[in-house]
């Protein structure tokens, strides 16, 4: 009887092992089939067209000034004629006060100061260090100013006028914390008054 029981155990174990191997193989097969179907579906849904090649030329910094100064959606927007002086010498009869510093930028690893003539909105002048404007030599370009020199005299021109702090009223004072009400006062029992009430 032990032999029969042992053979039934072996037969059952072998059968279960075959079933497990079949399920394991079938799950791998199903997973591979599902993956191939999904890959085909993704390829069918997504056809990547070649993007058009753009050849963008590098623009100068001055070409963007027009965009900043004139909003795109204004009535009567027309291109303005631009007059740019690129020479290192501005006309000598111009005064330095006629020019305002409107920008500082880096071009080809060199700092450039951009000036605009105040009376002529479209007249610009780009200067590197050691170039001159109205007889003044540009000695140093910093992040927020330029230093100009004429003879032994130096002048610093700020990029923008600093804003003065606005006069704001002082913050309101915090209201005082509300007081806690006092505990109610219990009437004091006066034994002499009770005796008088009882006598009456």
C-alpha atoms as a PDB file:
ATOM      1  CA  UNK A   1       0.000   0.000   0.000  1.00  0.00           C
ATOM      2  CA  UNK A   2       2.902   2.272   0.696  1.00  0.00           C
ATOM      3  CA  UNK A   3       4.167   1.718  -2.818  1.00  0.00           C
ATOM      4  CA  UNK A   4       0.829   2.651  -4.325  1.00  0.00           C
ATOM      5  CA  UNK A   5       0.565   5.796  -2.233  1.00  0.00           C
ATOM      6  CA  UNK A   6       4.096   6.762  -3.177  1.00  0.00           C
ATOM      7  CA  UNK A   7       3.376   6.252  -6.884  1.00  0.00           C
ATOM      8  CA  UNK A   8       0.225   8.408  -6.618  1.00  0.00           C
ATOM      9  CA  UNK A   9       2.273  11.142  -4.964  1.00  0.00           C
ATOM     10  CA  UNK A  10       4.900  10.966  -7.685  1.00  0.00           C
ATOM     11  CA  UNK A  11       2.256  11.009 -10.395  1.00  0.00           C
ATOM     12  CA  UNK A  12       0.457  13.985  -8.829  1.00  0.00           C
ATOM     13  CA  UNK A  13       3.706  15.907  -8.281  1.00  0.00           C
ATOM     14  CA  UNK A  14       4.786  15.258 -11.854  1.00  0.00           C
ATOM     15  CA  UNK A  15       1.414  16.403 -13.152  1.00  0.00           C
ATOM     16  CA  UNK A  16       1.539  19.601 -11.108  1.00  0.00           C
ATOM     17  CA  UNK A  17       5.126  20.247 -12.280  1.00  0.00           C
ATOM     18  CA  UNK A  18       4.051  19.866 -15.919  1.00  0.00           C
ATOM     19  CA  UNK A  19       1.136  22.273 -15.341  1.00  0.00           C
ATOM     20  CA  UNK A  20       3.468  24.840 -13.718  1.00  0.00           C
ATOM     21  CA  UNK A  21       5.961  24.577 -16.591  1.00  0.00           C
ATOM     22  CA  UNK A  22       3.131  24.980 -19.100  1.00  0.00           C
ATOM     23  CA  UNK A  23       1.799  28.098 -17.335  1.00  0.00           C
ATOM     24  CA  UNK A  24       5.276  29.582 -17.074  1.00  0.00           C
ATOM     25  CA  UNK A  25       5.946  29.029 -20.775  1.00  0.00           C
ATOM     26  CA  UNK A  26       2.499  30.275 -21.743  1.00  0.00           C
ATOM     27  CA  UNK A  27       2.905  33.463 -19.662  1.00  0.00           C
ATOM     28  CA  UNK A  28       6.223  34.240 -21.397  1.00  0.00           C
ATOM     29  CA  UNK A  29       4.636  33.571 -24.777  1.00  0.00           C
ATOM     30  CA  UNK A  30       1.619  35.772 -23.933  1.00  0.00           C
ATOM     31  CA  UNK A  31       3.848  38.567 -22.671  1.00  0.00           C
ATOM     32  CA  UNK A  32       5.935  38.499 -25.871  1.00  0.00           C
ATOM     33  CA  UNK A  33       2.802  38.457 -28.041  1.00  0.00           C
ATOM     34  CA  UNK A  34       1.288  41.380 -26.148  1.00  0.00           C
ATOM     35  CA  UNK A  35       4.539  43.356 -26.402  1.00  0.00           C
ATOM     36  CA  UNK A  36       4.769  42.819 -30.171  1.00  0.00           C
ATOM     37  CA  UNK A  37       1.117  43.860 -30.621  1.00  0.00           C
ATOM     38  CA  UNK A  38       1.712  47.019 -28.569  1.00  0.00           C
ATOM     39  CA  UNK A  39       4.885  47.851 -30.524  1.00  0.00           C
ATOM     40  CA  UNK A  40       3.022  47.476 -33.822  1.00  0.00           C
ATOM     41  CA  UNK A  41       0.162  49.626 -32.509  1.00  0.00           C
ATOM     42  CA  UNK A  42       2.511  52.374 -31.334  1.00  0.00           C
ATOM     43  CA  UNK A  43       4.355  52.350 -34.667  1.00  0.00           C
ATOM     44  CA  UNK A  44       1.060  52.454 -36.575  1.00  0.00           C
ATOM     45  CA  UNK A  45      -0.305  55.344 -34.487  1.00  0.00           C
ATOM     46  CA  UNK A  46       2.854  57.412 -34.513  1.00  0.00           C
ATOM     47  CA  UNK A  47       4.416  58.178 -37.851  1.00  0.00           C
ATOM     48  CA  UNK A  48       7.165  60.701 -37.260  1.00  0.00           C
ATOM     49  CA  UNK A  49       7.413  63.067 -40.168  1.00  0.00           C
ATOM     50  CA  UNK A  50      10.729  64.697 -40.691  1.00  0.00           C
ATOM     51  CA  UNK A  51      10.820  68.153 -39.210  1.00  0.00           C
ATOM     52  CA  UNK A  52      11.668  70.948 -41.606  1.00  0.00           C
ATOM     53  CA  UNK A  53      15.212  72.170 -41.295  1.00  0.00           C
ATOM     54  CA  UNK A  54      15.480  75.763 -40.160  1.00  0.00           C
ATOM     55  CA  UNK A  55      18.455  77.851 -41.002  1.00  0.00           C
ATOM     56  CA  UNK A  56      18.343  80.726 -38.554  1.00  0.00           C
ATOM     57  CA  UNK A  57      20.951  83.386 -38.932  1.00  0.00           C
ATOM     58  CA  UNK A  58      22.452  84.995 -35.873  1.00  0.00           C
ATOM     59  CA  UNK A  59      20.869  88.400 -35.305  1.00  0.00           C
ATOM     60  CA  UNK A  60      22.642  91.409 -33.913  1.00  0.00           C
ATOM     61  CA  UNK A  61      21.598  92.770 -30.532  1.00  0.00           C
ATOM     62  CA  UNK A  62      20.318  95.980 -32.115  1.00  0.00           C
ATOM     63  CA  UNK A  63      17.734  94.072 -34.133  1.00  0.00           C
ATOM     64  CA  UNK A  64      15.870  93.244 -30.919  1.00  0.00           C
ATOM     65  CA  UNK A  65      15.654  96.829 -29.660  1.00  0.00           C
ATOM     66  CA  UNK A  66      12.751  97.506 -32.012  1.00  0.00           C
ATOM     67  CA  UNK A  67      10.823  94.562 -30.547  1.00  0.00           C
ATOM     68  CA  UNK A  68      11.334  95.757 -26.991  1.00  0.00           C
ATOM     69  CA  UNK A  69      10.559  99.417 -27.624  1.00  0.00           C
ATOM     70  CA  UNK A  70       7.501  98.963 -29.831  1.00  0.00           C
ATOM     71  CA  UNK A  71       4.858  96.424 -28.789  1.00  0.00           C
ATOM     72  CA  UNK A  72       3.699  94.103 -31.533  1.00  0.00           C
ATOM     73  CA  UNK A  73      -0.008  94.908 -31.385  1.00  0.00           C
ATOM     74  CA  UNK A  74      -0.163  98.681 -31.714  1.00  0.00           C
ATOM     75  CA  UNK A  75      -2.161 100.517 -34.335  1.00  0.00           C
ATOM     76  CA  UNK A  76      -0.244 101.794 -37.305  1.00  0.00           C
ATOM     77  CA  UNK A  77       2.789  99.614 -36.651  1.00  0.00           C
ATOM     78  CA  UNK A  78       5.224 100.230 -39.476  1.00  0.00           C
ATOM     79  CA  UNK A  79       8.927  99.591 -39.642  1.00  0.00           C
ATOM     80  CA  UNK A  80      10.914 102.618 -38.608  1.00  0.00           C
ATOM     81  CA  UNK A  81      14.057 103.643 -40.416  1.00  0.00           C
ATOM     82  CA  UNK A  82      16.968 102.897 -38.136  1.00  0.00           C
ATOM     83  CA  UNK A  83      20.105 104.997 -38.012  1.00  0.00           C
ATOM     84  CA  UNK A  84      22.957 103.241 -36.264  1.00  0.00           C
ATOM     85  CA  UNK A  85      26.380 104.770 -35.841  1.00  0.00           C
ATOM     86  CA  UNK A  86      28.931 101.983 -35.663  1.00  0.00           C
ATOM     87  CA  UNK A  87      32.001 104.161 -35.888  1.00  0.00           C
ATOM     88  CA  UNK A  88      34.051 104.648 -32.772  1.00  0.00           C
ATOM     89  CA  UNK A  89      33.812 108.437 -33.023  1.00  0.00           C
ATOM     90  CA  UNK A  90      30.537 110.270 -32.503  1.00  0.00           C
ATOM     91  CA  UNK A  91      30.424 113.751 -33.913  1.00  0.00           C
ATOM     92  CA  UNK A  92      32.422 116.064 -31.686  1.00  0.00           C
ATOM     93  CA  UNK A  93      29.792 118.784 -31.550  1.00  0.00           C
ATOM     94  CA  UNK A  94      27.453 116.407 -29.684  1.00  0.00           C
ATOM     95  CA  UNK A  95      27.486 116.775 -25.943  1.00  0.00           C
ATOM     96  CA  UNK A  96      27.790 113.750 -23.678  1.00  0.00           C
ATOM     97  CA  UNK A  97      24.532 114.729 -21.976  1.00  0.00           C
ATOM     98  CA  UNK A  98      22.730 114.211 -25.300  1.00  0.00           C
ATOM     99  CA  UNK A  99      23.451 110.482 -25.059  1.00  0.00           C
ATOM    100  CA  UNK A 100      21.891 108.053 -22.575  1.00  0.00           C
ATOM    101  CA  UNK A 101      23.167 104.602 -21.703  1.00  0.00           C
ATOM    102  CA  UNK A 102      20.371 102.138 -22.526  1.00  0.00           C
ATOM    103  CA  UNK A 103      22.111  98.787 -22.453  1.00  0.00           C
ATOM    104  CA  UNK A 104      25.197  96.755 -21.659  1.00  0.00           C
ATOM    105  CA  UNK A 105      25.688  93.369 -23.283  1.00  0.00           C
ATOM    106  CA  UNK A 106      28.396  90.893 -24.212  1.00  0.00           C
ATOM    107  CA  UNK A 107      29.314  90.189 -27.828  1.00  0.00           C
ATOM    108  CA  UNK A 108      32.173  87.883 -28.820  1.00  0.00           C
ATOM    109  CA  UNK A 109      33.334  87.749 -25.182  1.00  0.00           C
ATOM    110  CA  UNK A 110      33.634  91.554 -25.059  1.00  0.00           C
ATOM    111  CA  UNK A 111      31.342  93.936 -23.248  1.00  0.00           C
ATOM    112  CA  UNK A 112      29.548  96.516 -25.369  1.00  0.00           C
ATOM    113  CA  UNK A 113      27.776  99.658 -24.159  1.00  0.00           C
ATOM    114  CA  UNK A 114      24.741 100.786 -26.144  1.00  0.00           C
ATOM    115  CA  UNK A 115      23.942 104.508 -26.138  1.00  0.00           C
ATOM    116  CA  UNK A 116      20.916 106.280 -27.612  1.00  0.00           C
ATOM    117  CA  UNK A 117      20.735 109.924 -28.567  1.00  0.00           C
ATOM    118  CA  UNK A 118      17.983 111.482 -26.468  1.00  0.00           C
ATOM    119  CA  UNK A 119      16.488 113.774 -29.089  1.00  0.00           C
ATOM    120  CA  UNK A 120      16.627 111.153 -31.854  1.00  0.00           C
ATOM    121  CA  UNK A 121      14.968 107.946 -30.742  1.00  0.00           C
ATOM    122  CA  UNK A 122      16.395 105.857 -33.586  1.00  0.00           C
ATOM    123  CA  UNK A 123      20.040 106.943 -33.351  1.00  0.00           C
ATOM    124  CA  UNK A 124      22.211 104.427 -31.508  1.00  0.00           C
ATOM    125  CA  UNK A 125      25.895 104.056 -30.800  1.00  0.00           C
ATOM    126  CA  UNK A 126      27.699 100.838 -29.832  1.00  0.00           C
ATOM    127  CA  UNK A 127      30.972 101.275 -27.980  1.00  0.00           C
ATOM    128  CA  UNK A 128      33.663  98.935 -26.702  1.00  0.00           C
ATOM    129  CA  UNK A 129      36.262  99.953 -24.144  1.00  0.00           C
ATOM    130  CA  UNK A 130      38.757 102.607 -25.353  1.00  0.00           C
ATOM    131  CA  UNK A 131      36.333 104.003 -27.954  1.00  0.00           C
ATOM    132  CA  UNK A 132      35.053 107.576 -27.671  1.00  0.00           C
ATOM    133  CA  UNK A 133      31.703 109.330 -27.534  1.00  0.00           C
ATOM    134  CA  UNK A 134      31.456 113.131 -27.711  1.00  0.00           C
ATOM    135  CA  UNK A 135      35.149 113.460 -26.913  1.00  0.00           C
ATOM    136  CA  UNK A 136      34.940 111.148 -23.878  1.00  0.00           C
ATOM    137  CA  UNK A 137      36.887 107.881 -23.904  1.00  0.00           C
ATOM    138  CA  UNK A 138      35.123 104.798 -22.575  1.00  0.00           C
ATOM    139  CA  UNK A 139      37.497 103.437 -19.948  1.00  0.00           C
ATOM    140  CA  UNK A 140      35.473 100.733 -18.201  1.00  0.00           C
ATOM    141  CA  UNK A 141      32.194  98.880 -18.712  1.00  0.00           C
ATOM    142  CA  UNK A 142      30.614  97.492 -15.549  1.00  0.00           C
ATOM    143  CA  UNK A 143      27.340  95.639 -15.056  1.00  0.00           C
ATOM    144  CA  UNK A 144      25.306  98.769 -14.241  1.00  0.00           C
ATOM    145  CA  UNK A 145      27.443 101.703 -15.433  1.00  0.00           C
ATOM    146  CA  UNK A 146      30.249 102.865 -17.676  1.00  0.00           C
ATOM    147  CA  UNK A 147      33.223 105.013 -16.723  1.00  0.00           C
ATOM    148  CA  UNK A 148      34.215 107.727 -19.213  1.00  0.00           C
ATOM    149  CA  UNK A 149      37.380 109.840 -19.178  1.00  0.00           C
ATOM    150  CA  UNK A 150      38.277 113.119 -20.850  1.00  0.00           C
ATOM    151  CA  UNK A 151      41.649 114.586 -20.029  1.00  0.00           C
ATOM    152  CA  UNK A 152      42.078 114.021 -16.298  1.00  0.00           C
ATOM    153  CA  UNK A 153      38.342 114.112 -15.618  1.00  0.00           C
ATOM    154  CA  UNK A 154      36.288 110.927 -15.057  1.00  0.00           C
ATOM    155  CA  UNK A 155      32.528 110.565 -15.287  1.00  0.00           C
ATOM    156  CA  UNK A 156      30.344 107.583 -14.408  1.00  0.00           C
ATOM    157  CA  UNK A 157      27.132 107.063 -16.389  1.00  0.00           C
ATOM    158  CA  UNK A 158      24.538 104.767 -14.822  1.00  0.00           C
ATOM    159  CA  UNK A 159      22.609 102.278 -16.916  1.00  0.00           C
ATOM    160  CA  UNK A 160      19.341 103.300 -15.324  1.00  0.00           C
ATOM    161  CA  UNK A 161      18.296 105.806 -12.727  1.00  0.00           C
ATOM    162  CA  UNK A 162      17.804 104.149  -9.366  1.00  0.00           C
ATOM    163  CA  UNK A 163      14.274 104.402  -8.090  1.00  0.00           C
ATOM    164  CA  UNK A 164      13.768 106.202  -4.852  1.00  0.00           C
ATOM    165  CA  UNK A 165      11.860 104.199  -2.290  1.00  0.00           C
ATOM    166  CA  UNK A 166       8.221 105.158  -2.330  1.00  0.00           C
ATOM    167  CA  UNK A 167       6.906 106.834   0.771  1.00  0.00           C
ATOM    168  CA  UNK A 168       4.582 104.286   2.210  1.00  0.00           C
ATOM    169  CA  UNK A 169       2.648 104.894   5.376  1.00  0.00           C
ATOM    170  CA  UNK A 170       3.918 103.007   8.400  1.00  0.00           C
ATOM    171  CA  UNK A 171       2.132  99.743   9.024  1.00  0.00           C
ATOM    172  CA  UNK A 172      -0.907 100.040  11.290  1.00  0.00           C
ATOM    173  CA  UNK A 173      -0.329  99.315  14.932  1.00  0.00           C
ATOM    174  CA  UNK A 174      -1.592  96.028  16.197  1.00  0.00           C
ATOM    175  CA  UNK A 175      -4.793  96.412  18.211  1.00  0.00           C
ATOM    176  CA  UNK A 176      -4.452  95.717  21.902  1.00  0.00           C
ATOM    177  CA  UNK A 177      -5.507  92.285  22.976  1.00  0.00           C
ATOM    178  CA  UNK A 178      -9.050  92.294  24.371  1.00  0.00           C
ATOM    179  CA  UNK A 179      -9.228  92.187  28.136  1.00  0.00           C
ATOM    180  CA  UNK A 180     -10.576  89.159  29.855  1.00  0.00           C
ATOM    181  CA  UNK A 181     -13.802  89.843  31.719  1.00  0.00           C
ATOM    182  CA  UNK A 182     -13.471  89.782  35.470  1.00  0.00           C
ATOM    183  CA  UNK A 183     -14.916  86.877  37.346  1.00  0.00           C
ATOM    184  CA  UNK A 184     -18.458  87.540  38.564  1.00  0.00           C
ATOM    185  CA  UNK A 185     -18.635  88.718  42.133  1.00  0.00           C
ATOM    186  CA  UNK A 186     -20.715  86.485  44.320  1.00  0.00           C
ATOM    187  CA  UNK A 187     -22.895  88.244  46.855  1.00  0.00           C
ATOM    188  CA  UNK A 188     -21.414  88.139  50.300  1.00  0.00           C
ATOM    189  CA  UNK A 189     -23.626  86.501  52.821  1.00  0.00           C
ATOM    190  CA  UNK A 190     -23.797  88.768  55.828  1.00  0.00           C
ATOM    191  CA  UNK A 191     -24.979  86.747  58.806  1.00  0.00           C
ATOM    192  CA  UNK A 192     -26.354  89.812  60.570  1.00  0.00           C
ATOM    193  CA  UNK A 193     -28.643  90.661  57.651  1.00  0.00           C
ATOM    194  CA  UNK A 194     -30.009  87.112  57.594  1.00  0.00           C
ATOM    195  CA  UNK A 195     -30.876  87.392  61.259  1.00  0.00           C
ATOM    196  CA  UNK A 196     -32.759  90.634  60.661  1.00  0.00           C
ATOM    197  CA  UNK A 197     -34.737  89.036  57.850  1.00  0.00           C
ATOM    198  CA  UNK A 198     -35.660  86.110  60.072  1.00  0.00           C
ATOM    199  CA  UNK A 199     -36.821  88.382  62.912  1.00  0.00           C
ATOM    200  CA  UNK A 200     -39.289  90.117  60.743  1.00  0.00           C
END
